[in-house]
C-alpha atoms as a PDB file:
ATOM      1  CA  MET A   1     178.716 263.260  72.417  1.00  0.00           C
ATOM      2  CA  ALA A   2     175.076 263.097  73.620  1.00  0.00           C
ATOM      3  CA  VAL A   3     174.437 261.183  76.717  1.00  0.00           C
ATOM      4  CA  ARG A   4     172.287 257.840  76.340  1.00  0.00           C
ATOM      5  CA  PHE A   5     169.452 259.192  79.039  1.00  0.00           C
ATOM      6  CA  GLN A   6     167.420 256.121  77.323  1.00  0.00           C
ATOM      7  CA  ASP A   7     169.703 253.251  79.409  1.00  0.00           C
ATOM      8  CA  GLU A   8     170.187 255.692  82.583  1.00  0.00           C
ATOM      9  CA  SER A   9     166.536 256.829  83.378  1.00  0.00           C
ATOM     10  CA  PHE A  10     163.388 255.757  84.780  1.00  0.00           C
ATOM     11  CA  PRO A  11     159.985 256.020  82.839  1.00  0.00           C
ATOM     12  CA  ALA A  12     158.866 259.285  83.794  1.00  0.00           C
ATOM     13  CA  LEU A  13     162.292 260.976  83.441  1.00  0.00           C
ATOM     14  CA  LYS A  14     162.435 259.280  79.861  1.00  0.00           C
ATOM     15  CA  GLU A  15     158.996 260.912  79.046  1.00  0.00           C
ATOM     16  CA  TYR A  16     159.650 264.123  79.933  1.00  0.00           C
ATOM     17  CA  LEU A  17     162.878 264.467  78.292  1.00  0.00           C
ATOM     18  CA  TYR A  18     161.571 262.779  74.825  1.00  0.00           C
ATOM     19  CA  TYR A  19     158.654 265.351  75.120  1.00  0.00           C
ATOM     20  CA  GLN A  20     161.545 267.794  75.278  1.00  0.00           C
ATOM     21  CA  GLN A  21     163.105 266.669  72.467  1.00  0.00           C
ATOM     22  CA  THR A  22     160.301 265.906  70.081  1.00  0.00           C
ATOM     23  CA  ILE A  23     157.446 268.314  70.777  1.00  0.00           C
ATOM     24  CA  ARG A  24     159.659 271.403  72.444  1.00  0.00           C
ATOM     25  CA  GLN A  25     162.049 270.617  69.765  1.00  0.00           C
ATOM     26  CA  LYS A  26     165.198 270.868  72.135  1.00  0.00           C
ATOM     27  CA  SER A  27     168.377 270.674  70.848  1.00  0.00           C
ATOM     28  CA  PRO A  28     170.328 267.173  71.750  1.00  0.00           C
ATOM     29  CA  LYS A  29     172.694 269.300  74.094  1.00  0.00           C
ATOM     30  CA  THR A  30     169.963 270.732  75.709  1.00  0.00           C
ATOM     31  CA  VAL A  31     168.157 267.426  76.473  1.00  0.00           C
ATOM     32  CA  ASP A  32     171.288 266.231  77.726  1.00  0.00           C
ATOM     33  CA  GLU A  33     171.929 268.933  80.155  1.00  0.00           C
ATOM     34  CA  TYR A  34     168.024 268.413  81.566  1.00  0.00           C
ATOM     35  CA  PHE A  35     169.329 264.859  82.179  1.00  0.00           C
ATOM     36  CA  LEU A  36     172.702 265.613  83.853  1.00  0.00           C
ATOM     37  CA  ASP A  37     170.782 268.239  85.986  1.00  0.00           C
ATOM     38  CA  LEU A  38     167.918 265.583  87.249  1.00  0.00           C
ATOM     39  CA  ARG A  39     170.354 262.664  87.442  1.00  0.00           C
ATOM     40  CA  THR A  40     172.443 264.726  89.958  1.00  0.00           C
ATOM     41  CA  PHE A  41     169.196 265.542  91.835  1.00  0.00           C
ATOM     42  CA  PHE A  42     167.810 262.244  92.196  1.00  0.00           C
ATOM     43  CA  ARG A  43     171.357 260.678  93.094  1.00  0.00           C
ATOM     44  CA  PHE A  44     171.380 263.535  95.871  1.00  0.00           C
ATOM     45  CA  MET A  45     167.889 262.461  97.153  1.00  0.00           C
ATOM     46  CA  LYS A  46     169.379 258.882  97.212  1.00  0.00           C
ATOM     47  CA  VAL A  47     172.166 259.850  99.489  1.00  0.00           C
ATOM     48  CA  TYR A  48     169.708 262.296 101.286  1.00  0.00           C
ATOM     49  CA  ARG A  49     167.391 259.347 101.902  1.00  0.00           C
ATOM     50  CA  LYS A  50     170.068 257.110 103.017  1.00  0.00           C
ATOM     51  CA  LEU A  51     169.010 254.654 100.152  1.00  0.00           C
ATOM     52  CA  VAL A  52     172.431 253.889  99.309  1.00  0.00           C
ATOM     53  CA  PRO A  53     175.600 252.735 101.573  1.00  0.00           C
ATOM     54  CA  ALA A  54     177.420 255.966 102.836  1.00  0.00           C
ATOM     55  CA  ASP A  55     180.621 255.139 100.942  1.00  0.00           C
ATOM     56  CA  THR A  56     178.840 254.714  97.478  1.00  0.00           C
ATOM     57  CA  GLU A  57     180.682 256.961  94.643  1.00  0.00           C
ATOM     58  CA  PHE A  58     178.093 259.241  93.921  1.00  0.00           C
ATOM     59  CA  ASP A  59     178.898 259.095  90.200  1.00  0.00           C
ATOM     60  CA  SER A  60     177.804 255.438  90.160  1.00  0.00           C
ATOM     61  CA  ILE A  61     174.672 255.784  91.792  1.00  0.00           C
ATOM     62  CA  PRO A  62     171.938 254.720  89.441  1.00  0.00           C
ATOM     63  CA  ILE A  63     168.527 256.194  89.227  1.00  0.00           C
ATOM     64  CA  ASP A  64     166.739 253.586  87.087  1.00  0.00           C
ATOM     65  CA  ASP A  65     165.000 252.245  90.063  1.00  0.00           C
ATOM     66  CA  ILE A  66     163.009 255.814  90.810  1.00  0.00           C
ATOM     67  CA  ASP A  67     159.442 254.809  90.818  1.00  0.00           C
ATOM     68  CA  LEU A  68     156.258 256.754  91.285  1.00  0.00           C
ATOM     69  CA  SER A  69     155.778 256.594  94.732  1.00  0.00           C
ATOM     70  CA  PHE A  70     159.374 258.092  95.240  1.00  0.00           C
ATOM     71  CA  LEU A  71     158.268 261.096  93.116  1.00  0.00           C
ATOM     72  CA  LYS A  72     155.476 261.477  95.365  1.00  0.00           C
ATOM     73  CA  SER A  73     157.202 261.473  98.570  1.00  0.00           C
ATOM     74  CA  ILE A  74     159.343 264.722  97.330  1.00  0.00           C
ATOM     75  CA  ASP A  75     158.597 267.910  98.756  1.00  0.00           C
ATOM     76  CA  LEU A  76     159.994 271.680  98.592  1.00  0.00           C
ATOM     77  CA  THR A  77     162.586 271.248 101.463  1.00  0.00           C
ATOM     78  CA  ASP A  78     163.995 268.518  99.487  1.00  0.00           C
ATOM     79  CA  ALA A  79     164.416 270.483  96.696  1.00  0.00           C
ATOM     80  CA  TYR A  80     166.215 273.144  98.765  1.00  0.00           C
ATOM     81  CA  GLU A  81     168.574 271.172 100.458  1.00  0.00           C
ATOM     82  CA  PHE A  82     169.469 270.153  97.153  1.00  0.00           C
ATOM     83  CA  MET A  83     170.421 274.003  96.469  1.00  0.00           C
ATOM     84  CA  ASN A  84     172.062 273.995  99.255  1.00  0.00           C
ATOM     85  CA  TYR A  85     174.028 270.557  98.612  1.00  0.00           C
ATOM     86  CA  LEU A  86     174.881 272.476  95.328  1.00  0.00           C
ATOM     87  CA  GLN A  87     176.430 275.338  96.592  1.00  0.00           C
ATOM     88  CA  ARG A  88     178.237 273.964 100.038  1.00  0.00           C
ATOM     89  CA  ASP A  89     179.796 270.778  98.342  1.00  0.00           C
ATOM     90  CA  ARG A  90     179.823 271.440  95.075  1.00  0.00           C
ATOM     91  CA  GLN A  91     180.680 275.093  94.849  1.00  0.00           C
ATOM     92  CA  ASN A  92     178.262 275.484  91.852  1.00  0.00           C
ATOM     93  CA  GLY A  93     177.816 279.333  90.975  1.00  0.00           C
ATOM     94  CA  PRO A  94     174.426 280.970  90.745  1.00  0.00           C
ATOM     95  CA  ALA A  95     173.981 280.391  86.948  1.00  0.00           C
ATOM     96  CA  SER A  96     174.830 276.815  87.624  1.00  0.00           C
ATOM     97  CA  ARG A  97     172.501 276.154  90.416  1.00  0.00           C
ATOM     98  CA  SER A  98     169.688 278.326  88.547  1.00  0.00           C
ATOM     99  CA  ARG A  99     169.918 276.092  85.506  1.00  0.00           C
ATOM    100  CA  LYS A 100     169.511 272.768  87.831  1.00  0.00           C
ATOM    101  CA  CYS A 101     166.567 274.706  89.808  1.00  0.00           C
ATOM    102  CA  SER A 102     164.887 275.448  86.430  1.00  0.00           C
ATOM    103  CA  SER A 103     165.457 271.872  85.333  1.00  0.00           C
ATOM    104  CA  ILE A 104     163.860 270.421  88.357  1.00  0.00           C
ATOM    105  CA  LYS A 105     161.042 272.834  88.004  1.00  0.00           C
ATOM    106  CA  GLY A 106     160.527 271.718  84.470  1.00  0.00           C
ATOM    107  CA  PHE A 107     160.226 268.044  85.003  1.00  0.00           C
ATOM    108  CA  PHE A 108     157.820 268.248  87.766  1.00  0.00           C
ATOM    109  CA  LYS A 109     155.591 270.759  86.171  1.00  0.00           C
ATOM    110  CA  TYR A 110     155.566 268.381  83.414  1.00  0.00           C
ATOM    111  CA  ILE A 111     154.644 265.069  85.780  1.00  0.00           C
ATOM    112  CA  THR A 112     151.842 266.964  87.242  1.00  0.00           C
ATOM    113  CA  ASN A 113     150.462 269.045  84.923  1.00  0.00           C
ATOM    114  CA  LYS A 114     150.916 267.118  81.581  1.00  0.00           C
ATOM    115  CA  LYS A 115     150.970 263.801  83.013  1.00  0.00           C
ATOM    116  CA  HIS A 116     148.712 264.068  86.425  1.00  0.00           C
ATOM    117  CA  TYR A 117     151.301 261.753  87.725  1.00  0.00           C
ATOM    118  CA  LEU A 118     150.976 263.948  90.751  1.00  0.00           C
ATOM    119  CA  ASP A 119     148.253 265.693  92.098  1.00  0.00           C
ATOM    120  CA  LYS A 120     150.221 268.835  93.260  1.00  0.00           C
ATOM    121  CA  ASP A 121     153.606 270.227  92.238  1.00  0.00           C
ATOM    122  CA  PRO A 122     155.741 269.999  94.948  1.00  0.00           C
ATOM    123  CA  VAL A 123     158.519 272.630  93.930  1.00  0.00           C
ATOM    124  CA  GLU A 124     156.128 275.143  92.296  1.00  0.00           C
ATOM    125  CA  GLU A 125     157.448 277.458  94.921  1.00  0.00           C
ATOM    126  CA  LEU A 126     161.180 276.603  94.270  1.00  0.00           C
ATOM    127  CA  GLU A 127     162.637 280.135  93.621  1.00  0.00           C
ATOM    128  CA  LEU A 128     165.734 280.246  91.167  1.00  0.00           C
ATOM    129  CA  PRO A 129     168.702 282.033  92.733  1.00  0.00           C
ATOM    130  CA  LYS A 130     169.589 285.207  91.654  1.00  0.00           C
ATOM    131  CA  LYS A 131     172.311 285.635  89.255  1.00  0.00           C
ATOM    132  CA  LYS A 132     174.530 288.469  88.904  1.00  0.00           C
ATOM    133  CA  LYS A 133     173.905 289.791  85.077  1.00  0.00           C
ATOM    134  CA  ALA A 134     177.011 290.559  83.887  1.00  0.00           C
ATOM    135  CA  LEU A 135     177.292 292.829  81.050  1.00  0.00           C
ATOM    136  CA  PRO A 136     178.064 291.293  77.799  1.00  0.00           C
ATOM    137  CA  LYS A 137     181.543 292.241  76.443  1.00  0.00           C
ATOM    138  CA  TYR A 138     181.296 293.728  72.930  1.00  0.00           C
ATOM    139  CA  LEU A 139     183.741 295.863  70.654  1.00  0.00           C
ATOM    140  CA  THR A 140     183.086 299.633  70.335  1.00  0.00           C
ATOM    141  CA  LEU A 141     181.903 301.194  67.287  1.00  0.00           C
ATOM    142  CA  GLU A 142     185.334 302.141  66.455  1.00  0.00           C
ATOM    143  CA  GLN A 143     186.865 298.972  67.057  1.00  0.00           C
ATOM    144  CA  SER A 144     184.152 297.507  65.160  1.00  0.00           C
ATOM    145  CA  ILE A 145     185.252 299.552  62.107  1.00  0.00           C
ATOM    146  CA  GLU A 146     189.295 298.834  62.808  1.00  0.00           C
ATOM    147  CA  LEU A 147     188.290 295.218  62.846  1.00  0.00           C
ATOM    148  CA  LEU A 148     186.359 295.774  59.199  1.00  0.00           C
ATOM    149  CA  ASP A 149     189.223 297.488  57.936  1.00  0.00           C
ATOM    150  CA  ALA A 150     191.650 295.140  59.059  1.00  0.00           C
ATOM    151  CA  VAL A 151     190.189 292.392  56.020  1.00  0.00           C
ATOM    152  CA  GLU A 152     192.717 291.556  53.706  1.00  0.00           C
ATOM    153  CA  GLY A 153     194.154 288.584  51.407  1.00  0.00           C
ATOM    154  CA  GLU A 154     192.979 286.236  48.906  1.00  0.00           C
ATOM    155  CA  ASN A 155     189.399 285.566  50.714  1.00  0.00           C
ATOM    156  CA  ARG A 156     189.155 289.395  51.771  1.00  0.00           C
ATOM    157  CA  GLU A 157     185.403 289.507  50.021  1.00  0.00           C
ATOM    158  CA  ARG A 158     183.891 286.238  51.860  1.00  0.00           C
ATOM    159  CA  ASP A 159     185.698 287.306  54.954  1.00  0.00           C
ATOM    160  CA  TYR A 160     184.748 291.047  54.815  1.00  0.00           C
ATOM    161  CA  ALA A 161     180.894 289.723  54.080  1.00  0.00           C
ATOM    162  CA  ILE A 162     180.933 287.587  57.153  1.00  0.00           C
ATOM    163  CA  LEU A 163     182.058 290.000  59.751  1.00  0.00           C
ATOM    164  CA  THR A 164     179.731 292.347  58.444  1.00  0.00           C
ATOM    165  CA  LEU A 165     176.962 290.164  58.745  1.00  0.00           C
ATOM    166  CA  PHE A 166     177.836 289.397  62.691  1.00  0.00           C
ATOM    167  CA  LEU A 167     178.283 292.927  63.301  1.00  0.00           C
ATOM    168  CA  ASN A 168     175.146 294.162  61.590  1.00  0.00           C
ATOM    169  CA  CYS A 169     172.846 291.337  61.902  1.00  0.00           C
ATOM    170  CA  GLY A 170     173.749 289.629  65.092  1.00  0.00           C
ATOM    171  CA  LEU A 171     174.109 286.189  63.898  1.00  0.00           C
ATOM    172  CA  ARG A 172     175.098 282.761  65.941  1.00  0.00           C
ATOM    173  CA  VAL A 173     178.399 281.485  64.678  1.00  0.00           C
ATOM    174  CA  SER A 174     176.345 278.300  64.032  1.00  0.00           C
ATOM    175  CA  GLU A 175     173.551 280.222  61.918  1.00  0.00           C
ATOM    176  CA  MET A 176     176.457 281.757  59.781  1.00  0.00           C
ATOM    177  CA  ALA A 177     177.904 278.180  58.994  1.00  0.00           C
ATOM    178  CA  GLY A 178     174.516 277.015  58.463  1.00  0.00           C
ATOM    179  CA  LEU A 179     173.870 279.717  55.902  1.00  0.00           C
ATOM    180  CA  ASN A 180     173.073 278.648  51.966  1.00  0.00           C
ATOM    181  CA  TYR A 181     173.238 280.649  48.922  1.00  0.00           C
ATOM    182  CA  SER A 182     169.459 280.190  48.635  1.00  0.00           C
ATOM    183  CA  ASP A 183     169.014 282.047  51.905  1.00  0.00           C
ATOM    184  CA  ILE A 184     170.025 285.431  50.577  1.00  0.00           C
ATOM    185  CA  ARG A 185     166.689 286.718  48.894  1.00  0.00           C
ATOM    186  CA  ASN A 186     166.214 289.397  46.152  1.00  0.00           C
ATOM    187  CA  ASP A 187     164.009 291.622  48.224  1.00  0.00           C
ATOM    188  CA  ASN A 188     167.230 292.150  50.192  1.00  0.00           C
ATOM    189  CA  THR A 189     166.339 289.881  53.385  1.00  0.00           C
ATOM    190  CA  ILE A 190     168.327 286.837  54.413  1.00  0.00           C
ATOM    191  CA  ARG A 191     166.687 283.762  55.800  1.00  0.00           C
ATOM    192  CA  VAL A 192     168.369 282.332  59.213  1.00  0.00           C
ATOM    193  CA  LEU A 193     167.843 279.264  60.883  1.00  0.00           C
ATOM    194  CA  GLY A 194     168.084 279.555  64.406  1.00  0.00           C
ATOM    195  CA  LYS A 195     168.017 277.358  67.491  1.00  0.00           C
ATOM    196  CA  GLY A 196     165.512 274.646  67.596  1.00  0.00           C
ATOM    197  CA  ASN A 197     165.121 275.011  63.998  1.00  0.00           C
ATOM    198  CA  LYS A 198     163.354 278.097  64.264  1.00  0.00           C
ATOM    199  CA  GLU A 199     163.361 280.486  61.211  1.00  0.00           C
ATOM    200  CA  ARG A 200     163.529 284.125  60.878  1.00  0.00           C
ATOM    201  CA  VAL A 201     163.978 286.606  58.459  1.00  0.00           C
ATOM    202  CA  ILE A 202     166.226 289.296  59.086  1.00  0.00           C
ATOM    203  CA  TYR A 203     166.084 292.881  56.661  1.00  0.00           C
ATOM    204  CA  LEU A 204     169.971 293.770  55.180  1.00  0.00           C
ATOM    205  CA  ASN A 205     170.981 297.184  55.760  1.00  0.00           C
ATOM    206  CA  GLN A 206     173.171 298.797  52.561  1.00  0.00           C
ATOM    207  CA  ALA A 207     176.615 297.832  54.203  1.00  0.00           C
ATOM    208  CA  CYS A 208     175.286 294.096  54.163  1.00  0.00           C
ATOM    209  CA  ILE A 209     174.044 294.374  51.008  1.00  0.00           C
ATOM    210  CA  ASN A 210     177.203 295.704  49.332  1.00  0.00           C
ATOM    211  CA  ALA A 211     178.932 293.373  51.030  1.00  0.00           C
ATOM    212  CA  VAL A 212     177.361 290.288  50.217  1.00  0.00           C
ATOM    213  CA  ARG A 213     177.195 291.345  46.758  1.00  0.00           C
ATOM    214  CA  ASP A 214     180.833 291.671  46.161  1.00  0.00           C
ATOM    215  CA  TYR A 215     181.256 288.474  47.939  1.00  0.00           C
ATOM    216  CA  MET A 216     178.863 286.816  45.585  1.00  0.00           C
ATOM    217  CA  ARG A 217     181.009 288.140  42.385  1.00  0.00           C
ATOM    218  CA  VAL A 218     183.910 286.156  43.606  1.00  0.00           C
ATOM    219  CA  ARG A 219     182.417 283.320  45.146  1.00  0.00           C
ATOM    220  CA  PRO A 220     183.646 279.862  44.171  1.00  0.00           C
ATOM    221  CA  VAL A 221     181.437 277.834  41.527  1.00  0.00           C
ATOM    222  CA  ASP A 222     183.565 274.985  40.159  1.00  0.00           C
ATOM    223  CA  GLU A 223     184.361 271.792  42.323  1.00  0.00           C
ATOM    224  CA  VAL A 224     182.420 272.899  45.055  1.00  0.00           C
ATOM    225  CA  LYS A 225     181.128 269.924  47.164  1.00  0.00           C
ATOM    226  CA  ASP A 226     178.530 271.551  49.073  1.00  0.00           C
ATOM    227  CA  LYS A 227     176.871 273.815  46.144  1.00  0.00           C
ATOM    228  CA  ASN A 228     173.937 275.267  48.595  1.00  0.00           C
ATOM    229  CA  ALA A 229     176.636 276.453  51.091  1.00  0.00           C
ATOM    230  CA  LEU A 230     176.996 280.507  50.900  1.00  0.00           C
ATOM    231  CA  PHE A 231     180.283 280.812  52.511  1.00  0.00           C
ATOM    232  CA  ILE A 232     182.849 278.661  50.711  1.00  0.00           C
ATOM    233  CA  SER A 233     186.291 277.107  52.482  1.00  0.00           C
ATOM    234  CA  ARG A 234     189.707 277.336  50.604  1.00  0.00           C
ATOM    235  CA  ASN A 235     188.858 273.383  50.389  1.00  0.00           C
ATOM    236  CA  ARG A 236     185.975 274.041  48.460  1.00  0.00           C
ATOM    237  CA  ASN A 237     183.459 273.403  51.017  1.00  0.00           C
ATOM    238  CA  ARG A 238     181.151 274.760  53.914  1.00  0.00           C
ATOM    239  CA  MET A 239     182.741 276.691  55.988  1.00  0.00           C
ATOM    240  CA  SER A 240     182.395 274.886  59.365  1.00  0.00           C
ATOM    241  CA  VAL A 241     181.907 277.022  62.674  1.00  0.00           C
ATOM    242  CA  LYS A 242     185.873 276.066  63.609  1.00  0.00           C
ATOM    243  CA  THR A 243     186.620 277.790  60.242  1.00  0.00           C
ATOM    244  CA  ILE A 244     184.281 280.945  60.687  1.00  0.00           C
ATOM    245  CA  GLN A 245     185.921 281.338  64.344  1.00  0.00           C
ATOM    246  CA  ALA A 246     189.244 280.944  63.423  1.00  0.00           C
ATOM    247  CA  MET A 247     189.245 283.583  60.616  1.00  0.00           C
ATOM    248  CA  VAL A 248     187.263 285.787  63.092  1.00  0.00           C
ATOM    249  CA  TYR A 249     189.927 285.296  65.759  1.00  0.00           C
ATOM    250  CA  LYS A 250     192.656 286.227  63.250  1.00  0.00           C
ATOM    251  CA  TYR A 251     191.260 289.605  62.399  1.00  0.00           C
ATOM    252  CA  LEU A 252     190.827 290.272  66.320  1.00  0.00           C
ATOM    253  CA  GLU A 253     194.320 289.579  67.222  1.00  0.00           C
ATOM    254  CA  LYS A 254     195.348 291.622  63.720  1.00  0.00           C
ATOM    255  CA  ILE A 255     193.834 294.767  65.529  1.00  0.00           C
ATOM    256  CA  GLY A 256     195.102 293.424  69.180  1.00  0.00           C
ATOM    257  CA  LEU A 257     192.014 291.951  70.797  1.00  0.00           C
ATOM    258  CA  ASN A 258     192.597 288.075  70.562  1.00  0.00           C
ATOM    259  CA  ALA A 259     193.599 288.048  74.429  1.00  0.00           C
ATOM    260  CA  GLN A 260     190.763 290.084  75.575  1.00  0.00           C
ATOM    261  CA  GLY A 261     188.015 287.366  75.564  1.00  0.00           C
ATOM    262  CA  TYR A 262     186.342 288.806  72.044  1.00  0.00           C
ATOM    263  CA  SER A 263     185.156 285.776  70.102  1.00  0.00           C
ATOM    264  CA  CYS A 264     182.388 285.481  67.189  1.00  0.00           C
ATOM    265  CA  HIS A 265     179.600 285.496  69.897  1.00  0.00           C
ATOM    266  CA  LYS A 266     181.190 288.964  70.811  1.00  0.00           C
ATOM    267  CA  LEU A 267     180.356 290.145  67.636  1.00  0.00           C
ATOM    268  CA  ARG A 268     176.881 288.846  68.258  1.00  0.00           C
ATOM    269  CA  HIS A 269     177.164 291.042  71.332  1.00  0.00           C
ATOM    270  CA  THR A 270     178.508 293.727  69.322  1.00  0.00           C
ATOM    271  CA  ALA A 271     175.613 293.879  66.623  1.00  0.00           C
ATOM    272  CA  ALA A 272     173.150 294.300  69.408  1.00  0.00           C
ATOM    273  CA  THR A 273     174.855 296.815  71.409  1.00  0.00           C
ATOM    274  CA  LEU A 274     175.591 299.133  68.562  1.00  0.00           C
ATOM    275  CA  MET A 275     171.982 298.856  67.413  1.00  0.00           C
ATOM    276  CA  TYR A 276     170.495 299.534  71.181  1.00  0.00           C
ATOM    277  CA  GLN A 277     173.024 302.527  71.946  1.00  0.00           C
ATOM    278  CA  HIS A 278     173.294 303.995  68.642  1.00  0.00           C
ATOM    279  CA  GLY A 279     170.528 302.846  66.959  1.00  0.00           C
ATOM    280  CA  GLY A 280     167.802 303.211  69.418  1.00  0.00           C
ATOM    281  CA  VAL A 281     166.258 299.976  68.259  1.00  0.00           C
ATOM    282  CA  ASP A 282     163.527 298.905  70.663  1.00  0.00           C
ATOM    283  CA  VAL A 283     164.495 295.976  72.781  1.00  0.00           C
ATOM    284  CA  ARG A 284     161.560 294.107  71.627  1.00  0.00           C
ATOM    285  CA  VAL A 285     162.808 294.400  67.822  1.00  0.00           C
ATOM    286  CA  LEU A 286     165.931 293.657  69.018  1.00  0.00           C
ATOM    287  CA  LYS A 287     164.480 290.131  70.338  1.00  0.00           C
ATOM    288  CA  GLU A 288     163.150 289.543  66.700  1.00  0.00           C
ATOM    289  CA  VAL A 289     166.466 289.887  65.148  1.00  0.00           C
ATOM    290  CA  LEU A 290     168.807 288.036  67.450  1.00  0.00           C
ATOM    291  CA  GLY A 291     166.193 285.126  67.885  1.00  0.00           C
ATOM    292  CA  HIS A 292     165.736 285.150  71.490  1.00  0.00           C
ATOM    293  CA  GLU A 293     162.932 282.730  72.821  1.00  0.00           C
ATOM    294  CA  ASN A 294     162.519 285.171  76.106  1.00  0.00           C
ATOM    295  CA  LEU A 295     162.653 289.131  76.225  1.00  0.00           C
ATOM    296  CA  GLY A 296     164.614 288.860  79.273  1.00  0.00           C
ATOM    297  CA  THR A 297     167.710 287.851  77.101  1.00  0.00           C
ATOM    298  CA  THR A 298     167.405 290.575  75.297  1.00  0.00           C
ATOM    299  CA  GLU A 299     167.078 292.976  78.230  1.00  0.00           C
ATOM    300  CA  ILE A 300     171.033 292.231  78.849  1.00  0.00           C
ATOM    301  CA  TYR A 301     171.537 294.793  75.960  1.00  0.00           C
ATOM    302  CA  THR A 302     169.832 297.375  77.606  1.00  0.00           C
ATOM    303  CA  HIS A 303     172.936 298.129  79.788  1.00  0.00           C
ATOM    304  CA  LEU A 304     174.170 301.789  79.213  1.00  0.00           C
ATOM    305  CA  SER A 305     177.470 303.159  78.267  1.00  0.00           C
ATOM    306  CA  ASN A 306     179.028 305.534  80.890  1.00  0.00           C
ATOM    307  CA  GLU A 307     178.723 308.226  78.031  1.00  0.00           C
ATOM    308  CA  GLN A 308     174.568 307.627  78.249  1.00  0.00           C
ATOM    309  CA  MET A 309     174.833 307.775  81.635  1.00  0.00           C
ATOM    310  CA  LYS A 310     176.894 311.005  81.660  1.00  0.00           C
ATOM    311  CA  ASN A 311     174.421 312.401  79.116  1.00  0.00           C
ATOM    312  CA  ALA A 312     171.600 311.298  81.284  1.00  0.00           C
ATOM    313  CA  ALA A 313     172.551 313.612  84.096  1.00  0.00           C
ATOM    314  CA  ASP A 314     173.548 316.470  82.192  1.00  0.00           C
ATOM    315  CA  SER A 315     169.881 316.354  80.282  1.00  0.00           C
ATOM    316  CA  ASN A 316     168.169 316.862  83.967  1.00  0.00           C
ATOM    317  CA  PRO A 317     166.977 320.538  84.063  1.00  0.00           C
ATOM    318  CA  LEU A 318     168.669 320.857  87.400  1.00  0.00           C
ATOM    319  CA  ALA A 319     171.886 320.008  85.682  1.00  0.00           C
ATOM    320  CA  HIS A 320     173.165 323.384  85.925  1.00  0.00           C
ATOM    321  CA  PHE A 321     171.520 324.757  88.616  1.00  0.00           C
ATOM    322  CA  ASN A 322     173.517 326.681  91.303  1.00  0.00           C
ATOM    323  CA  ARG A 323     172.373 327.785  94.540  1.00  0.00           C
ATOM    324  CA  LYS A 324     172.261 331.585  95.328  1.00  0.00           C
ATOM    325  CA  LYS A 325     174.876 332.322  98.148  1.00  0.00           C
ATOM    326  CA  GLN A 326     173.179 333.696 100.961  1.00  0.00           C
ATOM    327  CA  LYS A 327     174.356 337.338 101.963  1.00  0.00           C
ATOM    328  CA  GLY A 328     176.286 337.971 105.253  1.00  0.00           C
END
């Protein structure tokens, strides 16, 4: 459920959130996250400045009375005090603190550079907490083949096509559910509508072409409720995100991976990793295939396998150098 920031925000914050929603075309969920982060910050500031009674419940502190003079009084020290509060009192990890830090920086950058409410951005020098980059979990090439081989049953052509697209194209599950019949093009490409309604075109390799072609031959036509949908459920409707997830879990369980943290998103990680490690795909090309907004998001897939690191060590020209034994 979307947070009703219209009722709880002050004018400058509303302007910023509407800007993110309409101009930047951020999703409602993302805008809600910005609001929640900034509401927490301004609630903290009211406590920190002793503007509310000491026994006030934190979650009940209103922020709709924040005015321009209050915003002008905020400085870099206040922002760092908030970061300390998040770590000390709320036990927020680096990722959560980093997101809140980004929300604060984005807001003050907007009211300074776009709206010119402030002469200088007070948190421009605020540094994001360093996050430990966890390697994405993915299936090995052998596990990917095993997953595809596990497909069977009444909807085997459909399920095989979905898994093939996941493992070869790296689609998000929401993108898979949103695919339309007309998105499959005659030039062996597929149109994908990603985050923020950003459209991208992905070229289908032969495995995808074959899988989609086989599915098209048996795709239901009669009594289909959403005739635009590419993947149809047993109820003759568009397959939902939850239905696709359930199907993926079923086959992951079949090959013994259900309890190991694998999911539809891990299949996206798998596609990216296989393209990078086995296909040698440039990370900039990978960024476009995956529909990432920033290259930094894609660079996490440049992690190296143990085998690659071993090969790198063995390829050193000094790898087989033996020191001459000294006489005597």
